[in-house]
């Protein structure tokens, strides 16, 4: 698994996970469970979420999250 993107909000993370599931891309949203324990606008190294995908799917996953990264 390799890191692809760190979503800025909980809702953005939910949309990205839904995209990965829709395209059957093996993924893990690292830090996803911990970030829900302490919600809010403060981002620290403890509540940052990171999307990890299988190396074989890195290109397509990168294309799917590109619109989020451009914002």
PDB file of N, CA and C in Angstrom:
ATOM      1  N   UNK A   1       0.841  -1.178   0.000  1.00  0.00           N
ATOM      2  CA  UNK A   1       0.000   0.000   0.000  1.00  0.00           C
ATOM      3  C   UNK A   1       0.891   1.249   0.000  1.00  0.00           C
ATOM      4  N   UNK A   2       0.503   2.212  -0.821  1.00  0.00           N
ATOM      5  CA  UNK A   2       1.258   3.464  -0.891  1.00  0.00           C
ATOM      6  C   UNK A   2       0.320   4.644  -0.650  1.00  0.00           C
ATOM      7  N   UNK A   3       0.819   5.704  -0.027  1.00  0.00           N
ATOM      8  CA  UNK A   3      -0.027   6.876   0.233  1.00  0.00           C
ATOM      9  C   UNK A   3      -0.314   7.644  -1.056  1.00  0.00           C
ATOM     10  N   UNK A   4      -1.562   8.052  -1.215  1.00  0.00           N
ATOM     11  CA  UNK A   4      -1.988   8.783  -2.411  1.00  0.00           C
ATOM     12  C   UNK A   4      -2.417  10.203  -2.078  1.00  0.00           C
ATOM     13  N   UNK A   5      -3.200  10.368  -1.006  1.00  0.00           N
ATOM     14  CA  UNK A   5      -3.803  11.670  -0.737  1.00  0.00           C
ATOM     15  C   UNK A   5      -4.241  11.754   0.723  1.00  0.00           C
ATOM     16  N   UNK A   6      -4.193  12.948   1.290  1.00  0.00           N
ATOM     17  CA  UNK A   6      -4.709  13.212   2.636  1.00  0.00           C
ATOM     18  C   UNK A   6      -5.891  14.173   2.529  1.00  0.00           C
ATOM     19  N   UNK A   7      -7.108  13.671   2.741  1.00  0.00           N
ATOM     20  CA  UNK A   7      -8.283  14.539   2.642  1.00  0.00           C
ATOM     21  C   UNK A   7      -8.276  15.609   3.725  1.00  0.00           C
ATOM     22  N   UNK A   8      -8.872  16.758   3.381  1.00  0.00           N
ATOM     23  CA  UNK A   8      -8.886  17.906   4.298  1.00  0.00           C
ATOM     24  C   UNK A   8     -10.045  17.872   5.288  1.00  0.00           C
ATOM     25  N   UNK A   9     -11.131  17.199   4.913  1.00  0.00           N
ATOM     26  CA  UNK A   9     -12.306  17.147   5.785  1.00  0.00           C
ATOM     27  C   UNK A   9     -12.837  15.717   5.870  1.00  0.00           C
ATOM     28  N   UNK A  10     -13.682  15.493   6.851  1.00  0.00           N
ATOM     29  CA  UNK A  10     -14.297  14.176   7.024  1.00  0.00           C
ATOM     30  C   UNK A  10     -15.216  13.849   5.843  1.00  0.00           C
ATOM     31  N   UNK A  11     -15.938  14.842   5.343  1.00  0.00           N
ATOM     32  CA  UNK A  11     -16.834  14.594   4.207  1.00  0.00           C
ATOM     33  C   UNK A  11     -16.046  14.288   2.934  1.00  0.00           C
ATOM     34  N   UNK A  12     -14.926  14.955   2.744  1.00  0.00           N
ATOM     35  CA  UNK A  12     -14.075  14.661   1.587  1.00  0.00           C
ATOM     36  C   UNK A  12     -13.547  13.227   1.683  1.00  0.00           C
ATOM     37  N   UNK A  13     -13.168  12.808   2.869  1.00  0.00           N
ATOM     38  CA  UNK A  13     -12.689  11.435   3.068  1.00  0.00           C
ATOM     39  C   UNK A  13     -13.780  10.424   2.727  1.00  0.00           C
ATOM     40  N   UNK A  14     -15.013  10.721   3.121  1.00  0.00           N
ATOM     41  CA  UNK A  14     -16.131   9.812   2.841  1.00  0.00           C
ATOM     42  C   UNK A  14     -16.371   9.675   1.342  1.00  0.00           C
ATOM     43  N   UNK A  15     -16.291  10.780   0.612  1.00  0.00           N
ATOM     44  CA  UNK A  15     -16.493  10.741  -0.840  1.00  0.00           C
ATOM     45  C   UNK A  15     -15.365   9.954  -1.508  1.00  0.00           C
ATOM     46  N   UNK A  16     -14.146  10.164  -1.065  1.00  0.00           N
ATOM     47  CA  UNK A  16     -13.003   9.469  -1.663  1.00  0.00           C
ATOM     48  C   UNK A  16     -13.083   7.966  -1.393  1.00  0.00           C
ATOM     49  N   UNK A  17     -13.468   7.581  -0.190  1.00  0.00           N
ATOM     50  CA  UNK A  17     -13.631   6.158   0.120  1.00  0.00           C
ATOM     51  C   UNK A  17     -14.724   5.560  -0.764  1.00  0.00           C
ATOM     52  N   UNK A  18     -15.811   6.292  -0.969  1.00  0.00           N
ATOM     53  CA  UNK A  18     -16.889   5.807  -1.837  1.00  0.00           C
ATOM     54  C   UNK A  18     -16.391   5.623  -3.274  1.00  0.00           C
ATOM     55  N   UNK A  19     -15.544   6.532  -3.752  1.00  0.00           N
ATOM     56  CA  UNK A  19     -14.965   6.385  -5.092  1.00  0.00           C
ATOM     57  C   UNK A  19     -14.105   5.132  -5.187  1.00  0.00           C
ATOM     58  N   UNK A  20     -13.287   4.904  -4.182  1.00  0.00           N
ATOM     59  CA  UNK A  20     -12.417   3.718  -4.185  1.00  0.00           C
ATOM     60  C   UNK A  20     -13.254   2.441  -4.183  1.00  0.00           C
ATOM     61  N   UNK A  21     -14.325   2.441  -3.407  1.00  0.00           N
ATOM     62  CA  UNK A  21     -15.205   1.276  -3.361  1.00  0.00           C
ATOM     63  C   UNK A  21     -15.937   1.085  -4.688  1.00  0.00           C
ATOM     64  N   UNK A  22     -16.375   2.168  -5.310  1.00  0.00           N
ATOM     65  CA  UNK A  22     -17.102   2.079  -6.580  1.00  0.00           C
ATOM     66  C   UNK A  22     -16.239   1.506  -7.692  1.00  0.00           C
ATOM     67  N   UNK A  23     -14.945   1.794  -7.649  1.00  0.00           N
ATOM     68  CA  UNK A  23     -14.026   1.297  -8.672  1.00  0.00           C
ATOM     69  C   UNK A  23     -13.281   0.037  -8.228  1.00  0.00           C
ATOM     70  N   UNK A  24     -13.697  -0.554  -7.116  1.00  0.00           N
ATOM     71  CA  UNK A  24     -13.083  -1.781  -6.586  1.00  0.00           C
ATOM     72  C   UNK A  24     -11.574  -1.660  -6.418  1.00  0.00           C
ATOM     73  N   UNK A  25     -11.142  -0.525  -5.889  1.00  0.00           N
ATOM     74  CA  UNK A  25      -9.719  -0.288  -5.653  1.00  0.00           C
ATOM     75  C   UNK A  25      -9.401  -0.664  -4.207  1.00  0.00           C
ATOM     76  N   UNK A  26      -8.495  -1.618  -3.992  1.00  0.00           N
ATOM     77  CA  UNK A  26      -8.112  -1.966  -2.620  1.00  0.00           C
ATOM     78  C   UNK A  26      -7.492  -0.753  -1.931  1.00  0.00           C
ATOM     79  N   UNK A  27      -8.031  -0.389  -0.782  1.00  0.00           N
ATOM     80  CA  UNK A  27      -7.580   0.835  -0.116  1.00  0.00           C
ATOM     81  C   UNK A  27      -7.740   0.738   1.397  1.00  0.00           C
ATOM     82  N   UNK A  28      -7.054   1.636   2.081  1.00  0.00           N
ATOM     83  CA  UNK A  28      -7.186   1.810   3.523  1.00  0.00           C
ATOM     84  C   UNK A  28      -7.134   3.304   3.776  1.00  0.00           C
ATOM     85  N   UNK A  29      -8.062   3.808   4.584  1.00  0.00           N
ATOM     86  CA  UNK A  29      -8.001   5.201   4.997  1.00  0.00           C
ATOM     87  C   UNK A  29      -7.335   5.211   6.370  1.00  0.00           C
ATOM     88  N   UNK A  30      -6.034   5.386   6.359  1.00  0.00           N
ATOM     89  CA  UNK A  30      -5.251   5.346   7.597  1.00  0.00           C
ATOM     90  C   UNK A  30      -5.611   6.545   8.468  1.00  0.00           C
ATOM     91  N   UNK A  31      -5.831   6.285   9.739  1.00  0.00           N
ATOM     92  CA  UNK A  31      -6.197   7.352  10.666  1.00  0.00           C
ATOM     93  C   UNK A  31      -7.673   7.680  10.646  1.00  0.00           C
ATOM     94  N   UNK A  32      -8.444   6.969   9.875  1.00  0.00           N
ATOM     95  CA  UNK A  32      -9.863   7.255   9.757  1.00  0.00           C
ATOM     96  C   UNK A  32     -10.627   7.079  11.052  1.00  0.00           C
ATOM     97  N   UNK A  33     -10.339   6.020  11.782  1.00  0.00           N
ATOM     98  CA  UNK A  33     -11.062   5.776  13.034  1.00  0.00           C
ATOM     99  C   UNK A  33     -10.653   6.769  14.108  1.00  0.00           C
ATOM    100  N   UNK A  34      -9.378   7.095  14.182  1.00  0.00           N
ATOM    101  CA  UNK A  34      -8.916   8.010  15.221  1.00  0.00           C
ATOM    102  C   UNK A  34      -9.458   9.414  15.007  1.00  0.00           C
ATOM    103  N   UNK A  35      -9.550   9.836  13.751  1.00  0.00           N
ATOM    104  CA  UNK A  35      -9.999  11.207  13.491  1.00  0.00           C
ATOM    105  C   UNK A  35     -11.442  11.420  13.897  1.00  0.00           C
ATOM    106  N   UNK A  36     -12.244  10.365  13.952  1.00  0.00           N
ATOM    107  CA  UNK A  36     -13.632  10.534  14.376  1.00  0.00           C
ATOM    108  C   UNK A  36     -13.748  10.651  15.889  1.00  0.00           C
ATOM    109  N   UNK A  37     -12.700  10.285  16.608  1.00  0.00           N
ATOM    110  CA  UNK A  37     -12.723  10.427  18.063  1.00  0.00           C
ATOM    111  C   UNK A  37     -12.599  11.889  18.474  1.00  0.00           C
ATOM    112  N   UNK A  38     -11.858  12.656  17.703  1.00  0.00           N
ATOM    113  CA  UNK A  38     -11.602  14.054  18.024  1.00  0.00           C
ATOM    114  C   UNK A  38     -11.918  14.925  16.816  1.00  0.00           C
ATOM    115  N   UNK A  39     -13.197  15.098  16.483  1.00  0.00           N
ATOM    116  CA  UNK A  39     -13.551  15.890  15.305  1.00  0.00           C
ATOM    117  C   UNK A  39     -13.290  17.380  15.545  1.00  0.00           C
ATOM    118  N   UNK A  40     -13.229  18.103  14.463  1.00  0.00           N
ATOM    119  CA  UNK A  40     -13.045  19.541  14.583  1.00  0.00           C
ATOM    120  C   UNK A  40     -12.051  20.054  13.567  1.00  0.00           C
ATOM    121  N   UNK A  41     -11.880  21.351  13.537  1.00  0.00           N
ATOM    122  CA  UNK A  41     -11.036  21.960  12.521  1.00  0.00           C
ATOM    123  C   UNK A  41      -9.534  21.808  12.759  1.00  0.00           C
ATOM    124  N   UNK A  42      -9.137  21.396  13.948  1.00  0.00           N
ATOM    125  CA  UNK A  42      -7.718  21.302  14.258  1.00  0.00           C
ATOM    126  C   UNK A  42      -7.147  20.033  13.641  1.00  0.00           C
ATOM    127  N   UNK A  43      -6.115  20.205  12.820  1.00  0.00           N
ATOM    128  CA  UNK A  43      -5.448  19.055  12.214  1.00  0.00           C
ATOM    129  C   UNK A  43      -4.074  18.913  12.836  1.00  0.00           C
ATOM    130  N   UNK A  44      -3.854  17.770  13.422  1.00  0.00           N
ATOM    131  CA  UNK A  44      -2.545  17.457  13.968  1.00  0.00           C
ATOM    132  C   UNK A  44      -2.093  16.144  13.352  1.00  0.00           C
ATOM    133  N   UNK A  45      -0.901  15.747  13.673  1.00  0.00           N
ATOM    134  CA  UNK A  45      -0.415  14.467  13.149  1.00  0.00           C
ATOM    135  C   UNK A  45      -1.231  13.297  13.680  1.00  0.00           C
ATOM    136  N   UNK A  46      -1.996  13.521  14.747  1.00  0.00           N
ATOM    137  CA  UNK A  46      -2.790  12.438  15.317  1.00  0.00           C
ATOM    138  C   UNK A  46      -4.109  12.216  14.594  1.00  0.00           C
ATOM    139  N   UNK A  47      -4.689  13.262  14.005  1.00  0.00           N
ATOM    140  CA  UNK A  47      -5.989  13.061  13.366  1.00  0.00           C
ATOM    141  C   UNK A  47      -5.969  13.248  11.855  1.00  0.00           C
ATOM    142  N   UNK A  48      -4.799  13.243  11.245  1.00  0.00           N
ATOM    143  CA  UNK A  48      -4.707  13.332   9.792  1.00  0.00           C
ATOM    144  C   UNK A  48      -5.033  11.975   9.184  1.00  0.00           C
ATOM    145  N   UNK A  49      -5.881  11.986   8.174  1.00  0.00           N
ATOM    146  CA  UNK A  49      -6.210  10.764   7.456  1.00  0.00           C
ATOM    147  C   UNK A  49      -5.382  10.708   6.173  1.00  0.00           C
ATOM    148  N   UNK A  50      -4.988   9.505   5.790  1.00  0.00           N
ATOM    149  CA  UNK A  50      -4.218   9.318   4.561  1.00  0.00           C
ATOM    150  C   UNK A  50      -4.787   8.134   3.804  1.00  0.00           C
ATOM    151  N   UNK A  51      -5.055   8.343   2.525  1.00  0.00           N
ATOM    152  CA  UNK A  51      -5.543   7.271   1.668  1.00  0.00           C
ATOM    153  C   UNK A  51      -4.361   6.451   1.179  1.00  0.00           C
ATOM    154  N   UNK A  52      -4.396   5.163   1.458  1.00  0.00           N
ATOM    155  CA  UNK A  52      -3.387   4.226   0.977  1.00  0.00           C
ATOM    156  C   UNK A  52      -4.055   3.287  -0.012  1.00  0.00           C
ATOM    157  N   UNK A  53      -3.408   3.060  -1.157  1.00  0.00           N
ATOM    158  CA  UNK A  53      -3.952   2.129  -2.148  1.00  0.00           C
ATOM    159  C   UNK A  53      -2.882   1.135  -2.561  1.00  0.00           C
ATOM    160  N   UNK A  54      -3.337   0.029  -3.104  1.00  0.00           N
ATOM    161  CA  UNK A  54      -2.432  -0.982  -3.636  1.00  0.00           C
ATOM    162  C   UNK A  54      -1.631  -0.374  -4.791  1.00  0.00           C
ATOM    163  N   UNK A  55      -0.357  -0.704  -4.864  1.00  0.00           N
ATOM    164  CA  UNK A  55       0.512  -0.114  -5.896  1.00  0.00           C
ATOM    165  C   UNK A  55      -0.017  -0.331  -7.306  1.00  0.00           C
ATOM    166  N   UNK A  56      -0.646  -1.451  -7.550  1.00  0.00           N
ATOM    167  CA  UNK A  56      -1.167  -1.754  -8.881  1.00  0.00           C
ATOM    168  C   UNK A  56      -2.281  -0.799  -9.299  1.00  0.00           C
ATOM    169  N   UNK A  57      -2.924  -0.157  -8.323  1.00  0.00           N
ATOM    170  CA  UNK A  57      -4.046   0.739  -8.601  1.00  0.00           C
ATOM    171  C   UNK A  57      -3.688   2.213  -8.382  1.00  0.00           C
ATOM    172  N   UNK A  58      -2.426   2.515  -8.177  1.00  0.00           N
ATOM    173  CA  UNK A  58      -2.015   3.879  -7.838  1.00  0.00           C
ATOM    174  C   UNK A  58      -2.360   4.886  -8.931  1.00  0.00           C
ATOM    175  N   UNK A  59      -2.199   4.516 -10.187  1.00  0.00           N
ATOM    176  CA  UNK A  59      -2.475   5.457 -11.279  1.00  0.00           C
ATOM    177  C   UNK A  59      -3.947   5.840 -11.344  1.00  0.00           C
ATOM    178  N   UNK A  60      -4.833   4.848 -11.317  1.00  0.00           N
ATOM    179  CA  UNK A  60      -6.263   5.146 -11.406  1.00  0.00           C
ATOM    180  C   UNK A  60      -6.739   5.873 -10.156  1.00  0.00           C
ATOM    181  N   UNK A  61      -6.219   5.498  -8.992  1.00  0.00           N
ATOM    182  CA  UNK A  61      -6.606   6.185  -7.758  1.00  0.00           C
ATOM    183  C   UNK A  61      -6.155   7.637  -7.802  1.00  0.00           C
ATOM    184  N   UNK A  62      -4.961   7.874  -8.320  1.00  0.00           N
ATOM    185  CA  UNK A  62      -4.469   9.245  -8.461  1.00  0.00           C
ATOM    186  C   UNK A  62      -5.353  10.080  -9.362  1.00  0.00           C
ATOM    187  N   UNK A  63      -5.841   9.481 -10.446  1.00  0.00           N
ATOM    188  CA  UNK A  63      -6.743  10.182 -11.359  1.00  0.00           C
ATOM    189  C   UNK A  63      -8.074  10.505 -10.672  1.00  0.00           C
ATOM    190  N   UNK A  64      -8.556   9.585  -9.850  1.00  0.00           N
ATOM    191  CA  UNK A  64      -9.835   9.799  -9.177  1.00  0.00           C
ATOM    192  C   UNK A  64      -9.774  10.900  -8.120  1.00  0.00           C
ATOM    193  N   UNK A  65      -8.638  11.027  -7.426  1.00  0.00           N
ATOM    194  CA  UNK A  65      -8.545  12.044  -6.378  1.00  0.00           C
ATOM    195  C   UNK A  65      -7.956  13.360  -6.893  1.00  0.00           C
ATOM    196  N   UNK A  66      -7.533  13.411  -8.148  1.00  0.00           N
ATOM    197  CA  UNK A  66      -6.946  14.633  -8.704  1.00  0.00           C
ATOM    198  C   UNK A  66      -7.850  15.855  -8.575  1.00  0.00           C
ATOM    199  N   UNK A  67      -9.147  15.756  -8.806  1.00  0.00           N
ATOM    200  CA  UNK A  67      -9.998  16.947  -8.635  1.00  0.00           C
ATOM    201  C   UNK A  67     -10.005  17.481  -7.208  1.00  0.00           C
ATOM    202  N   UNK A  68      -9.819  16.624  -6.228  1.00  0.00           N
ATOM    203  CA  UNK A  68      -9.772  17.072  -4.837  1.00  0.00           C
ATOM    204  C   UNK A  68      -8.466  17.778  -4.537  1.00  0.00           C
ATOM    205  N   UNK A  69      -7.385  17.300  -5.129  1.00  0.00           N
ATOM    206  CA  UNK A  69      -6.065  17.878  -4.893  1.00  0.00           C
ATOM    207  C   UNK A  69      -5.918  19.244  -5.544  1.00  0.00           C
ATOM    208  N   UNK A  70      -6.656  19.493  -6.613  1.00  0.00           N
ATOM    209  CA  UNK A  70      -6.558  20.757  -7.346  1.00  0.00           C
ATOM    210  C   UNK A  70      -7.248  21.915  -6.631  1.00  0.00           C
ATOM    211  N   UNK A  71      -8.073  21.610  -5.651  1.00  0.00           N
ATOM    212  CA  UNK A  71      -8.841  22.672  -4.983  1.00  0.00           C
ATOM    213  C   UNK A  71      -7.981  23.522  -4.109  1.00  0.00           C
TER     214      UNK A  71
END
